[in-house]
N, C-alpha and C. Protein backbone atom coordinates (compact mmCIF):
# COMPACT_ATOMS: atom_id res chain seq x y z
N MET A 1 0.91 -1.28 -0.03
CA MET A 1 -0.08 -0.04 -0.22
C MET A 1 1.10 1.46 0.12
N PRO A 2 0.54 2.11 -0.56
CA PRO A 2 1.19 3.32 -0.73
C PRO A 2 1.43 4.28 0.30
N ASP A 3 2.30 4.89 0.57
CA ASP A 3 2.47 5.83 1.83
C ASP A 3 1.61 7.25 1.20
N ILE A 4 0.57 7.45 2.07
CA ILE A 4 -0.45 8.83 1.78
C ILE A 4 -0.36 9.58 2.81
N THR A 5 1.09 9.75 3.69
CA THR A 5 1.27 10.57 4.94
C THR A 5 1.01 12.22 4.11
N ALA A 6 1.87 12.16 2.87
CA ALA A 6 2.14 13.96 2.38
C ALA A 6 0.53 14.42 2.15
N LEU A 7 -0.45 13.25 1.75
CA LEU A 7 -1.72 13.83 1.37
C LEU A 7 -2.35 14.81 2.62
N PHE A 8 -2.15 13.86 4.01
CA PHE A 8 -2.80 14.46 4.73
C PHE A 8 -2.12 16.05 5.10
N TYR A 9 -0.93 16.19 4.91
CA TYR A 9 -0.35 17.39 4.95
C TYR A 9 -0.83 18.38 4.07
N ILE A 10 -0.96 17.90 2.93
CA ILE A 10 -1.49 18.60 1.68
C ILE A 10 -2.95 19.06 2.18
N ALA A 11 -3.74 18.39 2.76
CA ALA A 11 -5.40 18.41 3.12
C ALA A 11 -5.17 19.52 4.40
N ILE A 12 -4.25 19.07 5.10
CA ILE A 12 -4.33 20.31 6.43
C ILE A 12 -3.65 21.66 5.78
N MET A 13 -2.82 22.00 4.99
CA MET A 13 -2.51 23.12 4.54
C MET A 13 -3.38 23.71 3.95
N ALA A 14 -4.09 23.10 3.16
CA ALA A 14 -5.14 23.59 2.37
C ALA A 14 -6.36 24.15 3.02
N PHE A 15 -6.87 23.43 4.16
CA PHE A 15 -7.89 23.71 4.88
C PHE A 15 -7.43 25.02 5.68
N TYR A 16 -6.14 24.92 5.94
CA TYR A 16 -5.50 26.14 6.80
C TYR A 16 -5.60 27.40 6.14
N LEU A 17 -5.44 27.41 4.60
CA LEU A 17 -5.38 28.78 3.73
C LEU A 17 -6.54 29.02 2.87
N LEU A 18 -7.65 27.93 3.38
CA LEU A 18 -8.92 28.30 2.54
C LEU A 18 -10.03 28.46 3.63
N HIS A 19 -9.75 28.18 4.89
CA HIS A 19 -10.77 28.00 5.90
C HIS A 19 -10.89 29.73 6.56
N LYS A 20 -11.94 30.07 6.58
CA LYS A 20 -12.24 31.55 6.95
C LYS A 20 -12.47 31.30 8.51
N ASN A 21 -12.67 30.86 9.16
CA ASN A 21 -12.70 30.51 10.68
C ASN A 21 -11.53 30.51 11.17
N GLU A 22 -10.66 31.52 11.82
CA GLU A 22 -9.38 32.03 12.41
C GLU A 22 -8.77 31.10 13.24
N GLU A 23 -9.71 30.55 14.45
CA GLU A 23 -9.76 29.86 15.64
C GLU A 23 -9.47 28.44 14.88
N ALA A 24 -10.44 27.93 14.17
CA ALA A 24 -10.37 26.45 13.54
C ALA A 24 -9.53 26.25 12.61
N LYS A 25 -8.77 26.96 11.73
CA LYS A 25 -8.14 27.03 10.83
C LYS A 25 -6.41 26.88 11.49
N ILE A 26 -6.04 27.77 12.85
CA ILE A 26 -4.93 27.29 13.70
C ILE A 26 -4.89 26.25 14.04
N LEU A 27 -6.25 25.60 15.07
CA LEU A 27 -6.43 24.26 15.61
C LEU A 27 -5.86 23.10 14.91
N ALA A 28 -6.61 23.24 13.30
CA ALA A 28 -6.29 22.15 12.76
C ALA A 28 -4.89 21.57 12.21
N PRO A 29 -3.82 22.70 11.76
CA PRO A 29 -2.21 22.62 11.58
C PRO A 29 -1.90 22.15 13.13
N VAL A 30 -2.01 22.50 14.27
CA VAL A 30 -1.51 22.40 15.54
C VAL A 30 -1.68 20.98 15.95
N ILE A 31 -3.21 20.26 15.72
CA ILE A 31 -3.23 19.01 16.07
C ILE A 31 -2.86 17.92 15.02
N GLY A 32 -2.71 18.29 13.62
CA GLY A 32 -2.68 17.50 12.60
C GLY A 32 -1.17 17.25 12.70
N PHE A 33 -0.51 18.52 12.76
CA PHE A 33 0.93 18.32 12.53
C PHE A 33 1.82 17.62 13.72
N ALA A 34 1.10 17.35 14.93
CA ALA A 34 1.61 16.49 16.07
C ALA A 34 1.12 15.35 15.81
N ALA A 35 -0.03 14.80 15.04
CA ALA A 35 -0.63 13.69 15.31
C ALA A 35 -0.07 12.98 14.06
N ILE A 36 0.07 13.30 12.71
CA ILE A 36 0.53 12.67 11.77
C ILE A 36 1.73 11.79 11.51
N PRO A 37 2.75 12.19 12.34
CA PRO A 37 3.88 11.61 12.47
C PRO A 37 3.74 10.41 13.34
N LEU A 38 2.81 10.12 14.16
CA LEU A 38 2.59 8.89 15.37
C LEU A 38 2.17 7.93 14.49
N PHE A 39 1.33 8.21 13.01
CA PHE A 39 0.83 7.49 12.38
C PHE A 39 1.75 7.04 10.99
N SER A 40 2.70 7.74 11.03
CA SER A 40 3.63 7.09 9.66
C SER A 40 4.42 5.94 9.80
N ASN A 41 5.07 5.52 8.96
CA ASN A 41 6.24 4.45 9.12
C ASN A 41 7.48 4.91 9.34
N ASP A 42 7.73 6.29 9.19
CA ASP A 42 8.99 7.09 9.55
C ASP A 42 8.84 8.15 10.46
N TYR A 43 8.77 7.91 11.75
CA TYR A 43 8.00 9.29 12.82
C TYR A 43 8.89 10.43 12.76
N TRP A 44 10.31 10.39 12.53
CA TRP A 44 11.23 11.52 12.60
C TRP A 44 11.47 12.25 11.37
N GLN A 45 11.37 11.53 10.31
CA GLN A 45 11.03 11.86 8.92
C GLN A 45 10.07 12.96 8.52
N TRP A 46 9.21 12.58 9.08
CA TRP A 46 7.78 13.37 8.91
C TRP A 46 7.36 14.66 10.12
N PHE A 47 8.07 14.14 11.11
CA PHE A 47 8.20 14.84 12.54
C PHE A 47 9.05 16.35 12.01
N GLN A 48 9.95 16.24 11.27
CA GLN A 48 11.13 17.16 10.36
C GLN A 48 9.77 18.39 9.84
N LEU A 49 9.05 17.60 8.96
CA LEU A 49 7.96 18.17 7.86
C LEU A 49 7.21 18.85 8.85
N SER A 50 6.39 18.43 9.58
CA SER A 50 5.60 18.98 10.24
C SER A 50 6.07 20.21 11.13
N ALA A 51 7.73 20.17 12.06
CA ALA A 51 8.14 21.35 12.52
C ALA A 51 8.16 22.26 11.55
N ALA A 52 8.78 21.96 10.26
CA ALA A 52 9.18 23.19 9.34
C ALA A 52 7.65 23.80 9.09
N LEU A 53 6.54 22.95 8.39
CA LEU A 53 5.54 23.59 8.10
C LEU A 53 4.62 24.41 9.28
N SER A 54 4.91 24.05 10.76
CA SER A 54 4.87 24.80 11.69
C SER A 54 5.20 26.39 11.81
N VAL A 55 6.21 26.22 11.21
CA VAL A 55 6.97 27.35 11.23
C VAL A 55 6.59 28.40 10.21
N VAL A 56 6.12 27.86 8.76
CA VAL A 56 5.88 28.47 7.86
C VAL A 56 4.66 29.05 8.33
N VAL A 57 3.30 28.30 9.10
CA VAL A 57 2.28 28.91 9.40
C VAL A 57 2.37 29.76 10.37
N ILE A 58 3.60 29.75 11.51
CA ILE A 58 3.94 31.14 12.36
C ILE A 58 4.08 32.36 11.48
N VAL A 59 4.98 31.94 10.62
CA VAL A 59 5.47 33.21 9.98
C VAL A 59 4.21 33.73 8.92
N ILE A 60 3.29 33.10 8.56
CA ILE A 60 2.21 33.65 7.90
C ILE A 60 1.22 34.31 8.82
N GLU A 61 1.08 33.85 9.81
CA GLU A 61 0.29 34.41 10.88
C GLU A 61 0.93 35.81 11.36
N LYS A 62 2.34 35.58 11.47
CA LYS A 62 2.96 36.82 11.95
C LYS A 62 2.75 38.34 11.04
N GLU A 63 3.14 37.66 9.81
CA GLU A 63 2.85 38.58 8.33
C GLU A 63 1.46 39.36 8.30
N LYS A 64 0.25 38.45 8.62
CA LYS A 64 -0.94 38.55 8.60
C LYS A 64 -1.23 39.86 9.98
N ALA A 65 -0.91 39.55 11.03
CA ALA A 65 -0.93 40.09 12.05
C ALA A 65 0.01 41.51 12.34
N GLY A 66 0.76 41.62 11.58
CA GLY A 66 1.70 42.75 11.58
C GLY A 66 2.26 42.83 13.01
N TYR A 67 2.75 44.24 13.42
CA TYR A 67 3.37 44.78 14.37
C TYR A 67 2.64 44.39 15.58
N THR A 68 1.39 44.91 15.45
CA THR A 68 0.45 44.68 16.86
C THR A 68 0.08 43.26 17.23
N GLY A 69 0.19 42.38 16.35
CA GLY A 69 -0.18 41.16 16.88
C GLY A 69 0.82 39.96 17.62
N GLY A 70 1.57 40.63 18.02
CA GLY A 70 2.80 39.68 18.47
C GLY A 70 2.49 38.96 19.25
N GLY A 71 1.74 39.06 20.35
CA GLY A 71 1.33 38.35 21.38
C GLY A 71 0.67 37.13 20.91
N ALA A 72 -0.58 37.23 20.02
CA ALA A 72 -1.39 36.46 19.24
C ALA A 72 -0.27 35.27 18.79
N VAL A 73 0.60 35.81 18.16
CA VAL A 73 1.47 35.11 17.37
C VAL A 73 2.35 34.40 18.46
N SER A 74 2.78 34.67 19.44
CA SER A 74 3.50 33.83 20.67
C SER A 74 2.60 32.93 21.03
N ALA A 75 1.39 33.16 21.24
CA ALA A 75 0.39 32.45 21.71
C ALA A 75 0.53 30.90 20.94
N PHE A 76 0.01 31.47 19.52
CA PHE A 76 -0.10 30.26 18.04
C PHE A 76 1.51 29.39 18.29
N ALA A 77 2.34 30.06 18.37
CA ALA A 77 4.07 29.68 18.33
C ALA A 77 3.63 28.61 19.58
N ALA A 78 3.51 28.69 20.96
CA ALA A 78 3.35 28.33 21.95
C ALA A 78 2.08 26.72 21.79
N PHE A 79 1.51 27.03 21.13
CA PHE A 79 0.41 25.74 20.75
C PHE A 79 1.58 24.82 20.23
N PHE A 80 1.97 25.45 18.80
CA PHE A 80 2.73 24.48 18.16
C PHE A 80 3.90 23.88 18.91
N ILE A 81 4.61 24.81 19.79
CA ILE A 81 5.70 23.93 20.16
C ILE A 81 5.13 22.81 21.27
N GLY A 82 4.36 23.39 22.09
CA GLY A 82 3.49 22.31 23.08
C GLY A 82 3.14 20.96 22.36
N ALA A 83 2.22 21.01 21.58
CA ALA A 83 1.72 20.17 20.63
C ALA A 83 2.93 19.08 20.13
N LEU A 84 4.29 19.67 19.35
CA LEU A 84 5.17 18.70 18.98
C LEU A 84 6.04 17.97 20.17
N LEU A 85 5.82 18.75 21.34
CA LEU A 85 6.70 18.12 22.29
C LEU A 85 5.75 16.90 23.00
N VAL A 86 4.23 17.27 22.99
CA VAL A 86 3.46 15.84 23.54
C VAL A 86 3.63 14.82 22.45
N SER A 87 3.69 15.15 21.02
CA SER A 87 3.79 14.13 20.28
C SER A 87 5.09 13.28 20.36
N ILE A 88 6.55 14.23 20.58
CA ILE A 88 7.52 13.44 20.92
C ILE A 88 7.25 12.68 22.17
N PHE A 89 6.78 13.23 23.34
CA PHE A 89 6.46 12.30 24.40
C PHE A 89 5.72 10.98 24.12
N ILE A 90 4.67 10.98 23.43
CA ILE A 90 3.99 9.92 22.92
C ILE A 90 4.65 9.12 22.30
N HIS A 91 5.31 9.32 21.24
CA HIS A 91 6.30 8.44 20.56
C HIS A 91 7.31 7.47 21.23
N ALA A 92 8.04 8.37 22.04
CA ALA A 92 8.99 8.14 23.19
C ALA A 92 8.40 6.92 23.99
N THR A 93 7.17 7.25 24.89
CA THR A 93 6.66 6.28 25.52
C THR A 93 5.85 5.03 24.63
N SER A 94 5.81 5.31 23.62
CA SER A 94 4.88 4.15 22.81
C SER A 94 6.26 2.99 22.23
N SER A 95 7.45 3.81 22.01
CA SER A 95 8.71 3.02 21.72
C SER A 95 9.19 2.18 22.66
N ALA A 96 9.25 2.96 24.35
CA ALA A 96 9.51 1.98 25.14
C ALA A 96 8.41 0.88 25.43
N VAL A 97 7.33 1.18 25.13
CA VAL A 97 6.31 -0.23 25.75
C VAL A 97 6.61 -1.02 24.73
N THR A 98 6.99 -0.64 23.23
CA THR A 98 6.85 -1.59 22.46
C THR A 98 8.25 -2.59 22.32
N SER A 99 9.19 -2.09 23.43
CA SER A 99 10.55 -2.48 23.26
C SER A 99 10.62 -3.40 24.80
N LEU A 100 9.58 -3.54 25.26
CA LEU A 100 9.42 -4.39 26.67
C LEU A 100 9.10 -5.71 26.29
N ASN A 101 9.45 -6.55 27.06
CA ASN A 101 9.66 -7.91 26.76
C ASN A 101 7.77 -8.18 27.17
N SER A 102 6.88 -8.51 26.07
CA SER A 102 5.31 -8.75 26.27
C SER A 102 5.15 -9.66 27.12
N THR A 103 5.80 -10.70 27.44
CA THR A 103 5.81 -11.62 28.10
C THR A 103 5.43 -11.23 29.98
N SER A 104 6.21 -9.98 30.15
CA SER A 104 6.25 -9.58 31.37
C SER A 104 5.36 -8.78 31.71
N PHE A 105 4.86 -8.19 30.59
CA PHE A 105 4.14 -7.19 30.78
C PHE A 105 2.21 -7.03 30.01
N ASN A 106 1.52 -7.30 31.05
CA ASN A 106 -0.09 -7.55 30.35
C ASN A 106 -0.84 -6.43 30.07
N PHE A 107 -1.13 -5.45 28.90
CA PHE A 107 -1.88 -4.46 28.74
C PHE A 107 -2.83 -4.73 28.32
N LYS A 108 -3.95 -4.39 29.27
CA LYS A 108 -5.26 -4.79 29.12
C LYS A 108 -6.02 -3.64 28.33
N HIS A 109 -7.13 -4.15 27.85
CA HIS A 109 -8.05 -3.04 26.81
C HIS A 109 -8.84 -2.22 28.22
N PRO A 110 -8.99 -0.84 27.73
CA PRO A 110 -9.80 -0.15 28.97
C PRO A 110 -11.08 -0.84 29.24
N LEU A 111 -11.82 -1.57 28.37
CA LEU A 111 -13.04 -2.04 28.98
C LEU A 111 -13.21 -3.27 29.79
N SER A 112 -11.70 -3.78 29.95
CA SER A 112 -11.68 -4.85 30.34
C SER A 112 -11.46 -4.76 31.80
N TYR A 113 -11.18 -3.27 32.37
CA TYR A 113 -11.20 -2.90 33.60
C TYR A 113 -12.70 -2.78 34.29
N GLU A 114 -12.85 -2.55 35.48
CA GLU A 114 -14.20 -2.05 36.03
C GLU A 114 -14.00 -1.01 36.41
N TRP A 115 -15.46 -0.20 35.59
CA TRP A 115 -15.83 1.18 35.53
C TRP A 115 -17.29 1.20 36.42
N PRO A 116 -16.99 1.39 37.62
CA PRO A 116 -18.26 1.47 38.30
C PRO A 116 -19.37 2.47 37.63
N ARG A 117 -20.70 2.14 37.72
CA ARG A 117 -21.80 3.13 37.10
C ARG A 117 -21.69 4.43 37.23
N HIS A 118 -21.71 4.68 39.17
CA HIS A 118 -21.46 6.14 39.53
C HIS A 118 -20.20 6.95 39.50
N ILE A 119 -19.09 6.17 38.75
CA ILE A 119 -17.85 6.90 38.28
C ILE A 119 -18.30 7.36 36.59
N VAL A 120 -18.87 6.27 36.03
CA VAL A 120 -19.41 6.89 34.50
C VAL A 120 -20.22 8.08 34.66
N ILE A 121 -21.47 7.79 35.53
CA ILE A 121 -22.21 9.46 35.69
C ILE A 121 -21.81 10.25 35.90
N LEU A 122 -20.47 10.18 36.77
CA LEU A 122 -19.94 11.64 37.10
C LEU A 122 -19.02 12.04 36.03
N TYR A 123 -18.53 11.15 35.48
CA TYR A 123 -17.29 11.45 34.01
C TYR A 123 -18.49 12.16 33.13
N ALA A 124 -19.75 11.36 33.07
CA ALA A 124 -20.65 12.25 32.00
C ALA A 124 -21.25 13.32 32.34
N PHE A 125 -21.66 13.70 33.77
CA PHE A 125 -21.88 14.98 34.22
C PHE A 125 -20.73 15.87 34.04
N ALA A 126 -19.52 15.64 34.42
CA ALA A 126 -18.70 16.71 34.37
C ALA A 126 -18.42 17.03 32.89
N PHE A 127 -18.22 16.07 31.69
CA PHE A 127 -18.16 16.59 30.41
C PHE A 127 -19.23 17.13 29.95
N VAL A 128 -20.74 16.77 30.02
CA VAL A 128 -22.32 17.45 29.61
C VAL A 128 -21.69 19.15 30.26
N PHE A 129 -22.06 19.14 31.62
CA PHE A 129 -21.74 20.58 32.30
C PHE A 129 -20.86 21.30 31.78
N ALA A 130 -19.47 20.90 31.56
CA ALA A 130 -18.28 21.76 30.98
C ALA A 130 -18.67 22.00 29.52
N LEU A 131 -19.28 21.23 28.37
CA LEU A 131 -19.59 21.75 27.40
C LEU A 131 -20.66 22.61 27.32
N LEU A 132 -21.61 22.36 27.95
CA LEU A 132 -23.03 23.30 28.34
C LEU A 132 -22.23 25.15 28.82
N GLY A 133 -21.44 24.94 29.64
CA GLY A 133 -20.86 26.21 30.07
C GLY A 133 -19.80 26.71 28.75
N VAL A 134 -19.67 26.33 27.76
CA VAL A 134 -18.82 26.36 26.49
C VAL A 134 -20.04 27.08 25.60
N LEU A 135 -21.12 26.13 25.52
CA LEU A 135 -21.99 26.60 24.47
C LEU A 135 -22.99 27.67 24.52
N LEU A 136 -23.17 27.82 26.35
CA LEU A 136 -23.85 28.89 26.70
C LEU A 136 -23.32 30.04 26.74
N ASN A 137 -22.01 29.91 26.94
CA ASN A 137 -21.08 31.15 27.16
C ASN A 137 -21.63 31.73 28.49
N ALA A 138 -21.22 30.80 29.68
CA ALA A 138 -21.71 31.12 30.90
C ALA A 138 -21.25 32.31 31.60
N HIS A 139 -21.88 32.98 32.43
CA HIS A 139 -21.30 34.37 33.18
C HIS A 139 -19.77 33.93 33.54
N MET A 140 -18.89 34.73 33.72
CA MET A 140 -17.69 34.87 34.46
C MET A 140 -17.62 34.17 35.48
N LEU A 141 -18.22 34.57 36.68
CA LEU A 141 -18.14 34.05 37.79
C LEU A 141 -18.45 32.66 37.81
N VAL A 142 -19.80 32.20 37.01
CA VAL A 142 -20.24 30.94 36.99
C VAL A 142 -19.04 30.06 36.21
N ALA A 143 -18.87 30.54 35.18
CA ALA A 143 -17.64 29.63 34.53
C ALA A 143 -16.01 29.41 35.40
N PHE A 144 -15.88 30.33 36.36
CA PHE A 144 -14.92 30.25 36.88
C PHE A 144 -15.30 29.35 37.81
N TYR A 145 -16.04 29.38 38.84
CA TYR A 145 -16.16 28.17 39.42
C TYR A 145 -16.60 26.87 39.08
N GLY A 146 -17.39 26.87 38.22
CA GLY A 146 -17.61 25.76 37.23
C GLY A 146 -16.52 24.83 37.02
N ALA A 147 -15.51 25.62 36.25
CA ALA A 147 -14.26 25.34 35.88
C ALA A 147 -13.42 24.51 36.83
N LEU A 148 -13.69 25.02 38.14
CA LEU A 148 -12.82 24.56 39.53
C LEU A 148 -13.46 23.41 39.79
N ILE A 149 -14.76 23.74 39.95
CA ILE A 149 -15.54 22.47 40.13
C ILE A 149 -15.07 21.20 39.34
N ILE A 150 -15.34 21.31 38.39
CA ILE A 150 -15.24 20.10 37.17
C ILE A 150 -13.55 19.68 37.25
N ALA A 151 -12.74 20.42 37.29
CA ALA A 151 -11.23 20.01 37.13
C ALA A 151 -11.13 19.54 38.58
N CYS A 152 -11.69 20.02 39.84
CA CYS A 152 -11.20 18.71 40.73
C CYS A 152 -12.13 17.50 40.96
N LEU A 153 -13.18 17.55 40.41
CA LEU A 153 -13.99 16.07 39.98
C LEU A 153 -13.07 15.29 38.96
N LEU A 154 -12.62 15.90 38.04
CA LEU A 154 -11.80 15.06 37.24
C LEU A 154 -10.24 14.75 37.78
N ALA A 155 -9.94 15.17 38.61
CA ALA A 155 -8.76 15.03 39.14
C ALA A 155 -9.19 13.67 39.95
N VAL A 156 -10.01 13.75 40.81
CA VAL A 156 -10.52 12.64 42.04
C VAL A 156 -11.07 11.58 41.14
N LEU A 157 -11.84 11.31 40.39
CA LEU A 157 -12.35 10.51 39.43
C LEU A 157 -11.55 9.43 39.29
N PRO A 158 -10.45 9.36 38.67
CA PRO A 158 -9.55 8.20 38.17
C PRO A 158 -8.95 7.29 39.30
N HIS A 159 -9.18 7.88 40.61
CA HIS A 159 -8.67 7.32 41.76
C HIS A 159 -9.73 5.95 42.07
N PHE A 160 -10.84 5.92 41.51
CA PHE A 160 -12.09 5.27 41.96
C PHE A 160 -12.45 4.38 40.63
N CYS A 161 -11.37 4.43 39.50
CA CYS A 161 -11.51 3.87 38.21
C CYS A 161 -10.85 2.26 38.81
N GLY A 162 -11.12 1.39 37.96
CA GLY A 162 -10.49 0.16 37.87
C GLY A 162 -9.04 0.33 37.20
N SER A 163 -8.60 0.96 36.50
CA SER A 163 -7.68 1.43 36.13
C SER A 163 -7.07 2.96 36.32
N PHE A 164 -6.14 3.28 37.06
CA PHE A 164 -5.98 4.79 37.31
C PHE A 164 -5.48 5.50 36.23
N LEU A 165 -4.60 4.77 35.09
CA LEU A 165 -4.15 5.20 34.12
C LEU A 165 -4.78 5.69 33.02
N TYR A 166 -5.98 4.65 32.77
CA TYR A 166 -7.17 4.96 31.95
C TYR A 166 -7.95 6.14 32.46
N GLY A 167 -8.28 6.01 33.76
CA GLY A 167 -9.24 7.45 34.24
C GLY A 167 -8.53 8.59 33.88
N ILE A 168 -7.16 8.80 34.46
CA ILE A 168 -6.53 9.95 34.23
C ILE A 168 -6.63 10.45 32.82
N ALA A 169 -6.34 9.53 32.01
CA ALA A 169 -6.46 9.54 30.32
C ALA A 169 -7.78 10.05 29.99
N LEU A 170 -8.76 9.44 30.59
CA LEU A 170 -10.18 10.10 30.26
C LEU A 170 -10.28 11.58 30.93
N SER A 171 -10.10 11.82 31.98
CA SER A 171 -10.02 13.07 32.78
C SER A 171 -9.28 14.18 31.58
N VAL A 172 -7.87 14.00 31.17
CA VAL A 172 -7.11 14.84 30.39
C VAL A 172 -7.81 14.99 29.28
N THR A 173 -8.66 13.76 28.23
CA THR A 173 -9.28 14.09 27.22
C THR A 173 -10.43 14.77 27.15
N ILE A 174 -11.04 14.76 28.63
CA ILE A 174 -12.32 15.74 28.64
C ILE A 174 -11.67 17.33 28.88
N ILE A 175 -10.52 17.37 29.38
CA ILE A 175 -10.48 18.91 29.53
C ILE A 175 -9.93 19.19 28.10
N VAL A 176 -8.99 18.60 27.57
CA VAL A 176 -8.48 19.09 26.00
C VAL A 176 -9.99 19.29 24.89
N VAL A 177 -10.51 18.37 25.29
CA VAL A 177 -11.88 18.71 24.11
C VAL A 177 -12.70 19.83 24.56
N THR A 178 -12.79 20.12 26.04
CA THR A 178 -13.69 21.31 26.24
C THR A 178 -12.67 22.49 25.99
N PHE A 179 -11.69 22.58 26.50
CA PHE A 179 -10.60 23.76 25.80
C PHE A 179 -10.83 24.47 24.44
N ALA A 180 -10.82 22.89 23.69
CA ALA A 180 -10.94 22.94 22.03
C ALA A 180 -12.06 23.67 21.81
N MET A 181 -13.26 23.01 22.12
CA MET A 181 -14.47 23.49 22.13
C MET A 181 -14.32 25.45 22.57
N ALA A 182 -14.07 25.53 23.69
CA ALA A 182 -14.12 27.07 23.99
C ALA A 182 -13.17 27.68 23.32
N PHE A 183 -12.08 27.43 22.67
CA PHE A 183 -11.18 27.84 21.84
C PHE A 183 -11.75 28.29 20.65
N ILE A 184 -12.48 27.34 19.70
CA ILE A 184 -13.29 27.57 18.70
C ILE A 184 -14.47 28.57 18.90
N LYS A 185 -15.12 28.27 19.71
CA LYS A 185 -16.42 29.19 19.87
C LYS A 185 -15.97 30.51 20.46
N LYS A 186 -14.70 30.62 21.18
CA LYS A 186 -14.24 32.25 21.55
C LYS A 186 -15.28 32.14 22.51
N ALA A 187 -15.53 31.42 23.82
CA ALA A 187 -16.15 31.47 24.88
C ALA A 187 -15.04 31.57 26.10
N GLN A 188 -15.52 32.75 26.77
CA GLN A 188 -14.61 33.10 28.22
C GLN A 188 -13.09 32.58 28.19
N GLU A 189 -12.56 33.00 27.26
CA GLU A 189 -11.31 33.19 27.21
C GLU A 189 -10.29 32.93 28.68
N GLU A 190 -10.64 33.91 29.72
CA GLU A 190 -10.13 33.88 30.85
C GLU A 190 -10.56 32.48 31.71
N ALA A 191 -11.74 32.20 31.64
CA ALA A 191 -12.04 30.78 31.90
C ALA A 191 -11.55 29.85 31.82
N ARG A 192 -11.47 29.13 30.26
CA ARG A 192 -10.80 28.59 30.00
C ARG A 192 -9.72 28.04 29.90
N PHE A 193 -8.61 29.09 29.81
CA PHE A 193 -7.16 29.12 30.30
C PHE A 193 -7.12 28.34 32.02
N ILE A 194 -8.17 29.51 32.67
CA ILE A 194 -8.29 28.84 33.98
C ILE A 194 -8.34 27.21 34.15
N PHE A 195 -9.37 26.83 33.49
CA PHE A 195 -9.84 25.48 33.52
C PHE A 195 -8.50 24.45 32.88
N ALA A 196 -7.78 25.04 32.11
CA ALA A 196 -6.62 24.19 31.29
C ALA A 196 -5.65 23.84 32.58
N TYR A 197 -5.11 25.59 33.07
CA TYR A 197 -4.15 25.28 33.95
C TYR A 197 -4.54 24.66 35.44
N ILE A 198 -5.61 24.76 35.88
CA ILE A 198 -6.11 24.13 37.20
C ILE A 198 -6.33 22.66 36.75
N GLY A 199 -6.60 22.43 35.77
CA GLY A 199 -6.82 20.93 35.08
C GLY A 199 -5.51 20.23 35.14
N ALA A 200 -4.74 20.90 34.57
CA ALA A 200 -3.35 20.10 34.44
C ALA A 200 -2.80 20.22 35.55
N GLY A 201 -2.67 21.06 36.58
CA GLY A 201 -2.07 21.24 37.88
C GLY A 201 -2.57 20.10 38.75
N LEU A 202 -3.98 20.04 38.66
CA LEU A 202 -5.08 19.00 39.43
C LEU A 202 -4.45 17.40 38.91
N MET A 203 -4.21 17.21 37.78
CA MET A 203 -4.00 16.00 37.02
C MET A 203 -2.66 15.81 37.68
N LEU A 204 -1.42 16.18 37.61
CA LEU A 204 -0.12 16.14 38.03
C LEU A 204 -0.34 15.80 39.63
N VAL A 205 -0.91 16.95 40.51
CA VAL A 205 -1.34 16.10 41.66
C VAL A 205 -1.71 15.01 42.19
N SER A 206 -2.64 14.70 41.13
CA SER A 206 -3.52 13.28 41.41
C SER A 206 -2.89 12.37 41.18
N SER A 207 -1.74 12.30 39.94
CA SER A 207 -0.90 11.49 39.74
C SER A 207 0.30 11.49 40.85
N LEU A 208 0.87 12.19 41.41
CA LEU A 208 1.35 12.28 42.30
C LEU A 208 1.41 11.56 43.82
N VAL A 209 -0.15 11.73 44.31
CA VAL A 209 -0.68 10.91 45.37
C VAL A 209 -0.88 9.28 44.97
N LYS A 210 -1.24 9.41 43.73
CA LYS A 210 -1.52 7.91 43.10
C LYS A 210 -0.05 7.25 43.15
N TYR A 211 1.14 7.96 42.84
CA TYR A 211 2.36 7.40 42.71
C TYR A 211 2.83 7.10 44.28
N PHE A 212 2.47 7.94 45.27
CA PHE A 212 3.55 7.93 46.70
C PHE A 212 2.06 7.25 47.70
N SER A 213 1.07 6.80 46.99
CA SER A 213 0.22 6.12 47.96
C SER A 213 0.43 4.39 48.05
């Protein structure tokens, strides 16, 4: 089967150049350039292309923003760097896991672990209310306390799952999806960053508590 990886890059760049929604057109290359190398047959070869195209997108945004848009361009650059670093981390972790002796480690499917009904309901509650806050563009005070409560809930729930790692992965996924939706909808900029920062911090604390317990 021919390698069609290059076609995905072409599709993302076409979307970026032709799409009118500024937030969506930036989000696509940020996520796409970080993800594509992970599914290719030569990670580092395609990662170099991702990094190069990320620079191209940043330069284009800089030219469009002019001298007054330095802050926004810096934020875009931070998003690209963060996404590429996450991509490297995932690749390194995947390579390490692959190199382990499969007879010594038994990796199970998420559904093979116990997921108590009340925990699943609380996860659904957190996700639905987080999305409602974004879609309804809740008042700043409500959004702030809602983000704080949901972030705390997502940090605690993994400790009651059959697998802590899959639980924390689900919590992180909910935070990332909610932040992406808020970014696209331009909803409560301050609240969404608070949610992301508090969520990331609490996930780290939750992991440390699990590690030392």
